[in-house]
C-alpha cells in the first residue's frame, strides 16, 4: 500500500514540476513577445520622428531654391 502511495506522490510531484516548468516557459514567451512589440513600437516612433525631420529639411531646402 505504501508503495502505491509513493508512486502516486511521485506522479503528482512530476505533474507539479511539469506544470510549473511549462508555466514559466509560457510566461517567458509572453514576456519576449511583449518586449518585441515594445521595441518595434519604439523603433517605429523613432523612424517617424526621423522621417518628419527629413520632410522638414526637404521643405526648407526647396524653399531656399524657390
Protein backbone atom coordinates (compact mmCIF):
# COMPACT_ATOMS: atom_id res chain seq x y z
CA UNK A 1 0.00 0.00 0.00
CA UNK A 2 2.78 2.44 0.85
CA UNK A 3 4.45 1.70 -2.49
CA UNK A 4 1.25 2.63 -4.27
CA UNK A 5 1.00 5.89 -2.31
CA UNK A 6 4.66 6.63 -3.03
CA UNK A 7 4.07 6.09 -6.76
CA UNK A 8 1.06 8.42 -6.73
CA UNK A 9 3.05 11.03 -4.82
CA UNK A 10 5.90 10.74 -7.33
CA UNK A 11 3.50 11.13 -10.26
CA UNK A 12 1.83 14.09 -8.56
CA UNK A 13 5.23 15.71 -7.91
CA UNK A 14 6.25 15.21 -11.54
CA UNK A 15 2.97 16.72 -12.74
CA UNK A 16 3.51 19.75 -10.49
CA UNK A 17 7.07 20.16 -11.79
CA UNK A 18 5.87 19.90 -15.40
CA UNK A 19 3.09 22.41 -14.77
CA UNK A 20 5.42 24.92 -13.14
CA UNK A 21 8.04 24.48 -15.87
CA UNK A 22 5.54 24.93 -18.70
CA UNK A 23 4.01 27.92 -16.91
CA UNK A 24 7.43 29.55 -16.61
CA UNK A 25 8.12 28.86 -20.29
CA UNK A 26 4.79 30.41 -21.28
CA UNK A 27 5.49 33.45 -19.12
CA UNK A 28 8.95 33.83 -20.67
CA UNK A 29 7.48 33.57 -24.16
CA UNK A 30 4.78 36.12 -23.39
CA UNK A 31 7.37 38.49 -21.92
CA UNK A 32 9.53 38.09 -25.04
CA UNK A 33 6.56 38.89 -27.29
CA UNK A 34 5.71 41.99 -25.25
CA UNK A 35 9.34 43.14 -25.31
CA UNK A 36 9.47 42.60 -29.10
CA UNK A 37 6.30 44.66 -29.60
CA UNK A 38 7.62 47.45 -27.34
CA UNK A 39 10.92 47.54 -29.23
CA UNK A 40 9.09 47.57 -32.56
CA UNK A 41 6.82 50.41 -31.42
CA UNK A 42 9.81 52.38 -30.15
CA UNK A 43 11.63 51.82 -33.44
CA UNK A 44 8.55 52.96 -35.37
CA UNK A 45 8.30 56.12 -33.26
CA UNK A 46 11.98 56.92 -33.86
CA UNK A 47 11.59 56.24 -37.60
CA UNK A 48 8.56 58.53 -37.73
CA UNK A 49 10.48 61.32 -35.96
CA UNK A 50 13.41 60.96 -38.38
CA UNK A 51 11.03 60.98 -41.36
CA UNK A 52 9.34 64.14 -40.05
CA UNK A 53 12.72 65.83 -39.64
CA UNK A 54 13.73 64.78 -43.15
CA UNK A 55 10.49 66.19 -44.59
CA UNK A 56 11.07 69.48 -42.76
CA UNK A 57 14.63 69.63 -44.08
CA UNK A 58 13.42 68.94 -47.64
CA UNK A 59 10.80 71.68 -47.39
CA UNK A 60 13.38 74.15 -46.11
CA UNK A 61 15.77 73.11 -48.84
CA UNK A 62 13.09 73.57 -51.53
CA UNK A 63 12.12 76.96 -50.07
CA UNK A 64 15.70 78.12 -50.45
CA UNK A 65 15.64 77.37 -54.19
CA UNK A 66 12.23 78.91 -54.87
